[in-house]
Structure formats: structure tokens, C-alpha cells
Amino acid sequence: MSAHASSSSVPPPLPPPTHPLTNPLAHPSTSISPTLPSSSSSTHSPSMSMTSPSLHSPETARQIAEARAALEASMTNIGSSLDITLRSRAQDLHSNSKQLEKQQKDVVKATEGLRKEGDKLKKVADEGMRRVKELGNVQNWAEMLERDFLVLGETLRLVERGSEGSGSYTGS
């Protein structure tokens, strides 16, 4: 084989087609199993079966039987390993689905708890704001009282000073 032919990605050419009676593997409707006919073989004559003792030598028949057994064993092995893998994945998916449902319920419960806690905190904040407003009102009230007391104090001082100078307060 030349270096050019081995490095190319083009597959080798297919062999020429053969007649199904001389090469049973070339016909797509034939069965692989020696005992089970294919589903489409009911429309064909019985002479279309995969093997015919009169067409093959005993050595060829033995090689075909060995190849068929190896192929069936390989396909069974592949099927079994895929089945085990897929079953395992399906079990994991079901298990994960149940866990996700449980976690979703937990999240809903936790969210409801947070909502209730948020409502409580809002009430506390509202009460604090109300008290701050009261303090502001008290401070405002205290400042107004202080001004009134200053005005009263100044008035009393003026009255006392005026009574000292004139002797009596007439009130007008």
C-alpha cells in the first residue's frame, strides 16, 4: 500500500453486487439468525433463506455459523452493556427528579417563612418610624414650649421691672 493511499480518508471501493443466492449477506431482507426467518421473507419463496446446504461446503457453512454466532454474541454484549448503562441513567434521573421535587417543596416552604419574617420586620420598622415621628413631634413640642416659656419669662421680667419703676401695674 502506498503512503498516499494509506493517508487518504476515502474508503476503499465497494465490491460489485452479487446475486442473493450466491452471497446471502448481500440481500437486505435476509435474516441473520439460522432458525428465524426475516419479517419480509414471508413474501419470498423458501429458497431465499440465508443458508442452503447444497450451496456451501461444510467448511464454509461452519465459518458462516461461527461468524453468525460471533456477531450475535457481540450484538448481545453491546445491547447488554447499553441496557445496563441506560437503566442506570434512568434510575439516576428518577432519583434526581424526586430529589428536585423535595428541594422545590423545601424552597417553597422557606420562601413562605421568609415572607412571614419580612412582614414581621416591616411591622418593626413601621413602629420604629412612628416612634421617630413621635420623638420629632415631642422635640417640636418641647421647642415650642421653650419659646413660650422664654416669652413668659421675658414678660414677667418686664412686668417686674415696670412695677419697680411705677409702683403698680394697671393692666392696660
N, C-alpha and C. Protein backbone atom coordinates (compact mmCIF):
# COMPACT_ATOMS: atom_id res chain seq x y z
N MET A 1 0.84 -1.17 0.00
CA MET A 1 0.00 0.00 0.00
C MET A 1 0.89 1.23 0.00
N SER A 2 0.61 2.20 -0.83
CA SER A 2 1.45 3.39 -0.91
C SER A 2 1.12 4.34 0.21
N ALA A 3 2.04 5.29 0.47
CA ALA A 3 1.83 6.26 1.54
C ALA A 3 0.65 7.14 1.20
N HIS A 4 0.43 7.43 -0.08
CA HIS A 4 -0.69 8.29 -0.46
C HIS A 4 -2.02 7.58 -0.20
N ALA A 5 -2.11 6.32 -0.49
CA ALA A 5 -3.36 5.59 -0.32
C ALA A 5 -3.68 5.40 1.14
N SER A 6 -2.70 5.23 2.03
CA SER A 6 -2.99 4.99 3.45
C SER A 6 -3.34 6.28 4.17
N SER A 7 -2.91 7.43 3.65
CA SER A 7 -3.19 8.68 4.34
C SER A 7 -4.49 9.32 3.88
N SER A 8 -5.08 8.85 2.79
CA SER A 8 -6.32 9.47 2.31
C SER A 8 -7.49 9.00 3.17
N SER A 9 -8.51 9.82 3.23
CA SER A 9 -9.68 9.49 4.03
C SER A 9 -10.78 8.86 3.19
N VAL A 10 -10.52 8.54 1.95
CA VAL A 10 -11.52 7.94 1.07
C VAL A 10 -11.53 6.44 1.35
N PRO A 11 -12.73 5.88 1.64
CA PRO A 11 -12.79 4.44 1.89
C PRO A 11 -12.53 3.65 0.61
N PRO A 12 -12.12 2.40 0.76
CA PRO A 12 -11.88 1.59 -0.44
C PRO A 12 -13.19 1.36 -1.19
N PRO A 13 -13.14 1.11 -2.49
CA PRO A 13 -14.38 0.91 -3.26
C PRO A 13 -15.10 -0.34 -2.80
N LEU A 14 -16.43 -0.31 -2.92
CA LEU A 14 -17.25 -1.45 -2.54
C LEU A 14 -17.12 -2.56 -3.57
N PRO A 15 -17.25 -3.80 -3.13
CA PRO A 15 -17.20 -4.91 -4.10
C PRO A 15 -18.44 -4.88 -4.98
N PRO A 16 -18.38 -5.48 -6.13
CA PRO A 16 -19.54 -5.48 -7.03
C PRO A 16 -20.69 -6.27 -6.40
N PRO A 17 -21.94 -5.89 -6.69
CA PRO A 17 -23.09 -6.60 -6.12
C PRO A 17 -23.14 -8.03 -6.63
N THR A 18 -23.66 -8.89 -5.78
CA THR A 18 -23.77 -10.29 -6.15
C THR A 18 -25.21 -10.73 -6.02
N HIS A 19 -25.52 -11.84 -6.58
CA HIS A 19 -26.86 -12.40 -6.53
C HIS A 19 -27.13 -12.96 -5.14
N PRO A 20 -28.35 -12.82 -4.58
CA PRO A 20 -28.63 -13.27 -3.22
C PRO A 20 -28.46 -14.76 -3.02
N LEU A 21 -28.58 -15.54 -4.03
CA LEU A 21 -28.42 -16.98 -3.84
C LEU A 21 -26.96 -17.37 -3.72
N THR A 22 -26.05 -16.60 -4.35
CA THR A 22 -24.64 -16.93 -4.25
C THR A 22 -23.97 -16.23 -3.08
N ASN A 23 -24.52 -15.09 -2.62
CA ASN A 23 -24.00 -14.39 -1.45
C ASN A 23 -25.19 -13.95 -0.60
N PRO A 24 -25.59 -14.74 0.40
CA PRO A 24 -26.79 -14.44 1.18
C PRO A 24 -26.66 -13.14 1.99
N LEU A 25 -25.46 -12.70 2.32
CA LEU A 25 -25.31 -11.48 3.11
C LEU A 25 -25.52 -10.23 2.27
N ALA A 26 -25.56 -10.33 0.96
CA ALA A 26 -25.73 -9.18 0.10
C ALA A 26 -27.19 -8.77 -0.01
N HIS A 27 -28.14 -9.63 0.36
CA HIS A 27 -29.55 -9.32 0.23
C HIS A 27 -30.06 -8.75 1.56
N PRO A 28 -30.63 -7.53 1.59
CA PRO A 28 -31.00 -6.89 2.84
C PRO A 28 -32.18 -7.54 3.54
N SER A 29 -32.99 -8.31 2.89
CA SER A 29 -34.16 -8.86 3.54
C SER A 29 -33.90 -10.22 4.16
N THR A 30 -32.69 -10.70 4.10
CA THR A 30 -32.40 -12.00 4.69
C THR A 30 -32.15 -11.86 6.16
N SER A 31 -32.34 -12.94 6.89
CA SER A 31 -32.19 -12.94 8.33
C SER A 31 -30.79 -13.36 8.72
N ILE A 32 -30.31 -12.86 9.86
CA ILE A 32 -29.00 -13.23 10.38
C ILE A 32 -29.11 -14.56 11.11
N SER A 33 -30.22 -14.79 11.76
CA SER A 33 -30.40 -15.99 12.56
C SER A 33 -30.66 -17.19 11.66
N PRO A 34 -30.04 -18.36 11.97
CA PRO A 34 -30.25 -19.53 11.11
C PRO A 34 -31.62 -20.13 11.31
N THR A 35 -32.30 -19.87 12.42
CA THR A 35 -33.58 -20.51 12.68
C THR A 35 -34.75 -19.58 12.49
N LEU A 36 -34.52 -18.26 12.56
CA LEU A 36 -35.62 -17.33 12.45
C LEU A 36 -35.58 -16.62 11.09
N PRO A 37 -36.62 -16.74 10.29
CA PRO A 37 -36.64 -16.03 9.02
C PRO A 37 -36.89 -14.56 9.27
N SER A 38 -36.50 -13.72 8.29
CA SER A 38 -36.74 -12.28 8.44
C SER A 38 -38.22 -11.99 8.26
N SER A 39 -38.63 -10.79 8.68
CA SER A 39 -40.04 -10.44 8.61
C SER A 39 -40.53 -10.31 7.17
N SER A 40 -39.65 -9.99 6.27
CA SER A 40 -40.06 -9.84 4.88
C SER A 40 -39.92 -11.13 4.09
N SER A 41 -39.41 -12.19 4.71
CA SER A 41 -39.19 -13.42 3.96
C SER A 41 -40.49 -14.16 3.70
N SER A 42 -41.57 -13.78 4.37
CA SER A 42 -42.83 -14.47 4.12
C SER A 42 -43.35 -14.17 2.73
N THR A 43 -42.92 -13.07 2.13
CA THR A 43 -43.36 -12.75 0.78
C THR A 43 -42.47 -13.40 -0.26
N HIS A 44 -41.32 -13.92 0.16
CA HIS A 44 -40.38 -14.56 -0.77
C HIS A 44 -40.54 -16.07 -0.69
N SER A 45 -40.00 -16.72 -1.64
CA SER A 45 -40.08 -18.18 -1.65
C SER A 45 -39.11 -18.74 -0.61
N PRO A 46 -39.33 -19.98 -0.13
CA PRO A 46 -38.44 -20.57 0.86
C PRO A 46 -37.03 -20.72 0.34
N SER A 47 -36.80 -20.67 -0.94
CA SER A 47 -35.44 -20.81 -1.46
C SER A 47 -34.59 -19.58 -1.20
N MET A 48 -35.17 -18.50 -0.66
CA MET A 48 -34.44 -17.28 -0.37
C MET A 48 -33.87 -17.28 1.04
N SER A 49 -33.89 -18.41 1.74
CA SER A 49 -33.35 -18.44 3.09
C SER A 49 -31.85 -18.18 3.05
N MET A 50 -31.28 -17.90 4.24
CA MET A 50 -29.90 -17.45 4.30
C MET A 50 -28.90 -18.54 3.90
N THR A 51 -29.09 -19.68 4.38
CA THR A 51 -28.13 -20.74 4.05
C THR A 51 -28.85 -21.89 3.37
N SER A 52 -28.16 -22.48 2.51
CA SER A 52 -28.67 -23.66 1.84
C SER A 52 -27.55 -24.68 1.84
N PRO A 53 -27.79 -25.86 2.40
CA PRO A 53 -26.71 -26.83 2.49
C PRO A 53 -26.14 -27.22 1.14
N SER A 54 -26.91 -27.15 0.09
CA SER A 54 -26.39 -27.56 -1.21
C SER A 54 -25.49 -26.51 -1.83
N LEU A 55 -25.53 -25.23 -1.35
CA LEU A 55 -24.73 -24.17 -1.94
C LEU A 55 -23.36 -24.03 -1.28
N HIS A 56 -23.20 -24.45 -0.03
CA HIS A 56 -21.96 -24.22 0.71
C HIS A 56 -21.30 -25.53 1.10
N SER A 57 -20.00 -25.49 1.13
CA SER A 57 -19.25 -26.65 1.60
C SER A 57 -19.37 -26.70 3.13
N PRO A 58 -19.09 -27.84 3.73
CA PRO A 58 -19.18 -27.93 5.19
C PRO A 58 -18.26 -26.93 5.88
N GLU A 59 -17.10 -26.66 5.35
CA GLU A 59 -16.18 -25.69 5.94
C GLU A 59 -16.76 -24.29 5.88
N THR A 60 -17.33 -23.93 4.75
CA THR A 60 -17.93 -22.61 4.59
C THR A 60 -19.14 -22.47 5.52
N ALA A 61 -19.93 -23.50 5.60
CA ALA A 61 -21.10 -23.47 6.49
C ALA A 61 -20.66 -23.30 7.93
N ARG A 62 -19.56 -23.99 8.34
CA ARG A 62 -19.04 -23.86 9.69
C ARG A 62 -18.55 -22.44 9.94
N GLN A 63 -17.83 -21.87 8.96
CA GLN A 63 -17.34 -20.49 9.11
C GLN A 63 -18.49 -19.50 9.20
N ILE A 64 -19.53 -19.73 8.40
CA ILE A 64 -20.71 -18.85 8.46
C ILE A 64 -21.37 -18.96 9.84
N ALA A 65 -21.49 -20.19 10.33
CA ALA A 65 -22.12 -20.39 11.64
C ALA A 65 -21.28 -19.73 12.74
N GLU A 66 -19.96 -19.86 12.66
CA GLU A 66 -19.09 -19.22 13.66
C GLU A 66 -19.20 -17.70 13.57
N ALA A 67 -19.20 -17.17 12.36
CA ALA A 67 -19.32 -15.72 12.18
C ALA A 67 -20.66 -15.23 12.70
N ARG A 68 -21.72 -15.98 12.42
CA ARG A 68 -23.05 -15.61 12.89
C ARG A 68 -23.09 -15.63 14.41
N ALA A 69 -22.53 -16.67 15.01
CA ALA A 69 -22.51 -16.77 16.48
C ALA A 69 -21.70 -15.63 17.08
N ALA A 70 -20.56 -15.31 16.48
CA ALA A 70 -19.73 -14.21 16.99
C ALA A 70 -20.47 -12.88 16.86
N LEU A 71 -21.14 -12.69 15.73
CA LEU A 71 -21.90 -11.45 15.53
C LEU A 71 -23.04 -11.34 16.53
N GLU A 72 -23.78 -12.42 16.73
CA GLU A 72 -24.89 -12.40 17.68
C GLU A 72 -24.38 -12.18 19.10
N ALA A 73 -23.26 -12.79 19.47
CA ALA A 73 -22.69 -12.60 20.80
C ALA A 73 -22.24 -11.15 20.98
N SER A 74 -21.62 -10.60 19.95
CA SER A 74 -21.17 -9.21 20.00
C SER A 74 -22.35 -8.26 20.14
N MET A 75 -23.39 -8.51 19.37
CA MET A 75 -24.57 -7.65 19.43
C MET A 75 -25.26 -7.78 20.79
N THR A 76 -25.32 -8.99 21.34
CA THR A 76 -25.90 -9.19 22.66
C THR A 76 -25.08 -8.47 23.72
N ASN A 77 -23.76 -8.57 23.60
CA ASN A 77 -22.87 -7.91 24.56
C ASN A 77 -23.05 -6.39 24.49
N ILE A 78 -23.08 -5.85 23.29
CA ILE A 78 -23.27 -4.40 23.11
C ILE A 78 -24.63 -4.00 23.68
N GLY A 79 -25.66 -4.78 23.35
CA GLY A 79 -27.00 -4.48 23.85
C GLY A 79 -27.07 -4.53 25.36
N SER A 80 -26.41 -5.52 25.96
CA SER A 80 -26.43 -5.65 27.42
C SER A 80 -25.73 -4.48 28.08
N SER A 81 -24.57 -4.11 27.55
CA SER A 81 -23.84 -3.00 28.18
C SER A 81 -24.60 -1.69 28.02
N LEU A 82 -25.22 -1.49 26.87
CA LEU A 82 -26.02 -0.29 26.68
C LEU A 82 -27.25 -0.31 27.57
N ASP A 83 -27.85 -1.48 27.72
CA ASP A 83 -29.04 -1.62 28.56
C ASP A 83 -28.70 -1.28 30.01
N ILE A 84 -27.58 -1.82 30.49
CA ILE A 84 -27.17 -1.55 31.87
C ILE A 84 -26.91 -0.05 32.06
N THR A 85 -26.21 0.54 31.12
CA THR A 85 -25.90 1.98 31.21
C THR A 85 -27.18 2.81 31.18
N LEU A 86 -28.07 2.48 30.26
CA LEU A 86 -29.31 3.25 30.14
C LEU A 86 -30.21 3.05 31.36
N ARG A 87 -30.27 1.85 31.88
CA ARG A 87 -31.07 1.61 33.09
C ARG A 87 -30.51 2.41 34.27
N SER A 88 -29.19 2.41 34.38
CA SER A 88 -28.56 3.18 35.46
C SER A 88 -28.87 4.66 35.32
N ARG A 89 -28.77 5.17 34.11
CA ARG A 89 -29.08 6.59 33.89
C ARG A 89 -30.54 6.89 34.17
N ALA A 90 -31.43 5.99 33.76
CA ALA A 90 -32.86 6.20 34.01
C ALA A 90 -33.14 6.20 35.52
N GLN A 91 -32.51 5.29 36.26
CA GLN A 91 -32.68 5.28 37.71
C GLN A 91 -32.16 6.57 38.32
N ASP A 92 -31.02 7.04 37.85
CA ASP A 92 -30.46 8.30 38.35
C ASP A 92 -31.41 9.47 38.06
N LEU A 93 -31.97 9.47 36.86
CA LEU A 93 -32.90 10.56 36.50
C LEU A 93 -34.14 10.54 37.40
N HIS A 94 -34.68 9.35 37.65
CA HIS A 94 -35.86 9.27 38.52
C HIS A 94 -35.50 9.70 39.94
N SER A 95 -34.37 9.24 40.42
CA SER A 95 -33.92 9.63 41.76
C SER A 95 -33.70 11.13 41.85
N ASN A 96 -33.03 11.69 40.85
CA ASN A 96 -32.79 13.13 40.83
C ASN A 96 -34.09 13.91 40.74
N SER A 97 -35.05 13.39 39.99
CA SER A 97 -36.35 14.05 39.86
C SER A 97 -37.04 14.11 41.22
N LYS A 98 -36.99 13.02 41.97
CA LYS A 98 -37.60 13.00 43.30
C LYS A 98 -36.89 13.98 44.23
N GLN A 99 -35.57 14.03 44.15
CA GLN A 99 -34.82 14.96 44.98
C GLN A 99 -35.15 16.40 44.62
N LEU A 100 -35.28 16.69 43.33
CA LEU A 100 -35.62 18.04 42.89
C LEU A 100 -37.01 18.44 43.37
N GLU A 101 -37.96 17.51 43.32
CA GLU A 101 -39.30 17.80 43.82
C GLU A 101 -39.26 18.12 45.31
N LYS A 102 -38.50 17.34 46.08
CA LYS A 102 -38.37 17.58 47.51
C LYS A 102 -37.72 18.94 47.76
N GLN A 103 -36.66 19.24 47.02
CA GLN A 103 -35.98 20.53 47.18
C GLN A 103 -36.90 21.68 46.80
N GLN A 104 -37.73 21.49 45.78
CA GLN A 104 -38.66 22.53 45.37
C GLN A 104 -39.66 22.80 46.49
N LYS A 105 -40.18 21.74 47.13
CA LYS A 105 -41.10 21.92 48.25
C LYS A 105 -40.41 22.65 49.40
N ASP A 106 -39.14 22.29 49.66
CA ASP A 106 -38.39 22.96 50.73
C ASP A 106 -38.19 24.44 50.41
N VAL A 107 -37.91 24.76 49.16
CA VAL A 107 -37.72 26.15 48.76
C VAL A 107 -39.03 26.94 48.92
N VAL A 108 -40.15 26.31 48.57
CA VAL A 108 -41.45 26.98 48.72
C VAL A 108 -41.72 27.26 50.19
N LYS A 109 -41.44 26.27 51.06
CA LYS A 109 -41.64 26.47 52.49
C LYS A 109 -40.73 27.56 53.03
N ALA A 110 -39.47 27.53 52.61
CA ALA A 110 -38.51 28.54 53.08
C ALA A 110 -38.91 29.93 52.59
N THR A 111 -39.40 30.01 51.37
CA THR A 111 -39.84 31.30 50.82
C THR A 111 -41.02 31.84 51.62
N GLU A 112 -41.95 30.97 51.98
CA GLU A 112 -43.09 31.39 52.80
C GLU A 112 -42.62 31.87 54.17
N GLY A 113 -41.66 31.16 54.76
CA GLY A 113 -41.09 31.58 56.04
C GLY A 113 -40.41 32.94 55.94
N LEU A 114 -39.68 33.15 54.85
CA LEU A 114 -39.02 34.45 54.64
C LEU A 114 -40.04 35.57 54.44
N ARG A 115 -41.13 35.26 53.76
CA ARG A 115 -42.18 36.26 53.57
C ARG A 115 -42.77 36.67 54.92
N LYS A 116 -43.05 35.68 55.78
CA LYS A 116 -43.60 35.98 57.11
C LYS A 116 -42.60 36.79 57.93
N GLU A 117 -41.34 36.39 57.86
CA GLU A 117 -40.30 37.13 58.60
C GLU A 117 -40.17 38.55 58.06
N GLY A 118 -40.27 38.72 56.76
CA GLY A 118 -40.23 40.05 56.15
C GLY A 118 -41.40 40.91 56.63
N ASP A 119 -42.58 40.29 56.74
CA ASP A 119 -43.74 41.03 57.25
C ASP A 119 -43.51 41.48 58.69
N LYS A 120 -42.94 40.60 59.52
CA LYS A 120 -42.65 40.96 60.91
C LYS A 120 -41.66 42.12 60.96
N LEU A 121 -40.61 42.04 60.16
CA LEU A 121 -39.60 43.11 60.14
C LEU A 121 -40.19 44.42 59.64
N LYS A 122 -41.11 44.35 58.70
CA LYS A 122 -41.77 45.56 58.21
C LYS A 122 -42.57 46.21 59.33
N LYS A 123 -43.26 45.39 60.13
CA LYS A 123 -44.03 45.93 61.25
C LYS A 123 -43.10 46.61 62.26
N VAL A 124 -41.97 45.97 62.55
CA VAL A 124 -41.00 46.56 63.49
C VAL A 124 -40.47 47.88 62.92
N ALA A 125 -40.16 47.91 61.63
CA ALA A 125 -39.65 49.13 61.01
C ALA A 125 -40.71 50.23 61.03
N ASP A 126 -41.96 49.86 60.75
CA ASP A 126 -43.04 50.85 60.79
C ASP A 126 -43.22 51.41 62.19
N GLU A 127 -43.15 50.55 63.20
CA GLU A 127 -43.26 51.00 64.60
C GLU A 127 -42.10 51.93 64.94
N GLY A 128 -40.91 51.62 64.50
CA GLY A 128 -39.75 52.48 64.74
C GLY A 128 -39.93 53.83 64.07
N MET A 129 -40.43 53.84 62.87
CA MET A 129 -40.67 55.12 62.17
C MET A 129 -41.71 55.95 62.90
N ARG A 130 -42.75 55.28 63.40
CA ARG A 130 -43.79 56.00 64.14
C ARG A 130 -43.19 56.64 65.39
N ARG A 131 -42.33 55.90 66.09
CA ARG A 131 -41.72 56.44 67.30
C ARG A 131 -40.76 57.59 66.98
N VAL A 132 -40.03 57.46 65.87
CA VAL A 132 -39.15 58.56 65.47
C VAL A 132 -39.98 59.81 65.19
N LYS A 133 -41.14 59.61 64.53
CA LYS A 133 -42.02 60.76 64.26
C LYS A 133 -42.52 61.36 65.58
N GLU A 134 -42.86 60.47 66.53
CA GLU A 134 -43.31 60.97 67.84
C GLU A 134 -42.20 61.77 68.50
N LEU A 135 -40.97 61.26 68.43
CA LEU A 135 -39.84 61.99 69.01
C LEU A 135 -39.68 63.33 68.32
N GLY A 136 -39.83 63.35 67.05
CA GLY A 136 -39.77 64.60 66.30
C GLY A 136 -40.87 65.54 66.74
N ASN A 137 -42.06 65.00 66.93
CA ASN A 137 -43.18 65.81 67.40
C ASN A 137 -42.92 66.29 68.82
N VAL A 138 -42.36 65.42 69.68
CA VAL A 138 -42.06 65.82 71.05
C VAL A 138 -41.00 66.90 71.05
N GLN A 139 -40.00 66.72 70.22
CA GLN A 139 -38.94 67.74 70.14
C GLN A 139 -39.53 69.07 69.67
N ASN A 140 -40.37 69.00 68.66
CA ASN A 140 -41.02 70.21 68.16
C ASN A 140 -41.88 70.84 69.26
N TRP A 141 -42.62 70.01 69.96
CA TRP A 141 -43.47 70.49 71.06
C TRP A 141 -42.62 71.12 72.16
N ALA A 142 -41.48 70.45 72.48
CA ALA A 142 -40.59 70.99 73.52
C ALA A 142 -40.01 72.33 73.10
N GLU A 143 -39.64 72.46 71.84
CA GLU A 143 -39.11 73.74 71.36
C GLU A 143 -40.17 74.83 71.42
N MET A 144 -41.41 74.48 71.07
CA MET A 144 -42.49 75.48 71.17
C MET A 144 -42.72 75.88 72.63
N LEU A 145 -42.70 74.91 73.55
CA LEU A 145 -42.87 75.22 74.97
C LEU A 145 -41.73 76.11 75.46
N GLU A 146 -40.50 75.76 75.02
CA GLU A 146 -39.35 76.57 75.43
C GLU A 146 -39.50 78.01 74.95
N ARG A 147 -39.95 78.25 73.73
CA ARG A 147 -40.17 79.62 73.25
C ARG A 147 -41.25 80.32 74.05
N ASP A 148 -42.34 79.56 74.32
CA ASP A 148 -43.42 80.16 75.12
C ASP A 148 -42.91 80.54 76.52
N PHE A 149 -42.11 79.64 77.13
CA PHE A 149 -41.57 79.94 78.46
C PHE A 149 -40.62 81.14 78.39
N LEU A 150 -39.84 81.24 77.35
CA LEU A 150 -38.96 82.40 77.19
C LEU A 150 -39.78 83.69 77.06
N VAL A 151 -40.86 83.61 76.28
CA VAL A 151 -41.73 84.78 76.13
C VAL A 151 -42.36 85.13 77.48
N LEU A 152 -42.83 84.10 78.20
CA LEU A 152 -43.42 84.35 79.53
C LEU A 152 -42.38 84.91 80.50
N GLY A 153 -41.19 84.34 80.44
CA GLY A 153 -40.13 84.82 81.33
C GLY A 153 -39.78 86.27 81.02
N GLU A 154 -39.69 86.62 79.73
CA GLU A 154 -39.41 87.99 79.36
C GLU A 154 -40.55 88.92 79.78
N THR A 155 -41.76 88.44 79.62
CA THR A 155 -42.91 89.24 80.03
C THR A 155 -42.89 89.48 81.53
N LEU A 156 -42.62 88.44 82.32
CA LEU A 156 -42.55 88.58 83.77
C LEU A 156 -41.42 89.53 84.17
N ARG A 157 -40.30 89.43 83.50
CA ARG A 157 -39.19 90.31 83.79
C ARG A 157 -39.59 91.76 83.50
N LEU A 158 -40.25 91.99 82.38
CA LEU A 158 -40.69 93.34 82.07
C LEU A 158 -41.73 93.85 83.08
N VAL A 159 -42.58 92.94 83.49
CA VAL A 159 -43.61 93.33 84.47
C VAL A 159 -42.94 93.68 85.80
N GLU A 160 -42.00 92.89 86.23
CA GLU A 160 -41.32 93.14 87.49
C GLU A 160 -40.51 94.45 87.40
N ARG A 161 -39.92 94.69 86.32
CA ARG A 161 -39.16 95.93 86.15
C ARG A 161 -40.13 97.14 86.11
N GLY A 162 -41.22 96.99 85.45
CA GLY A 162 -42.20 98.07 85.39
C GLY A 162 -42.86 98.32 86.72
N SER A 163 -43.06 97.32 87.54
CA SER A 163 -43.70 97.51 88.84
C SER A 163 -42.72 98.17 89.81
N GLU A 164 -41.48 97.97 89.58
CA GLU A 164 -40.49 98.61 90.43
C GLU A 164 -40.43 100.10 90.10
N GLY A 165 -40.55 100.44 88.85
CA GLY A 165 -40.43 101.82 88.47
C GLY A 165 -41.73 102.60 88.67
N SER A 166 -42.86 102.05 88.46
CA SER A 166 -44.10 102.78 88.58
C SER A 166 -44.88 102.41 89.82
N GLY A 167 -44.56 101.39 90.42
CA GLY A 167 -45.19 101.02 91.70
C GLY A 167 -46.34 100.04 91.54
N SER A 168 -47.14 100.19 90.56
CA SER A 168 -48.25 99.24 90.39
C SER A 168 -48.53 99.05 88.92
N TYR A 169 -49.04 97.96 88.63
CA TYR A 169 -49.35 97.61 87.25
C TYR A 169 -50.83 97.82 87.04
N THR A 170 -51.18 98.60 86.03
CA THR A 170 -52.58 98.97 85.81
C THR A 170 -53.27 98.01 84.88
N GLY A 171 -52.52 97.30 84.11
CA GLY A 171 -53.10 96.28 83.25
C GLY A 171 -53.53 96.77 81.90
N SER A 172 -53.32 98.01 81.49
CA SER A 172 -53.74 98.38 80.16
C SER A 172 -52.64 98.65 79.23
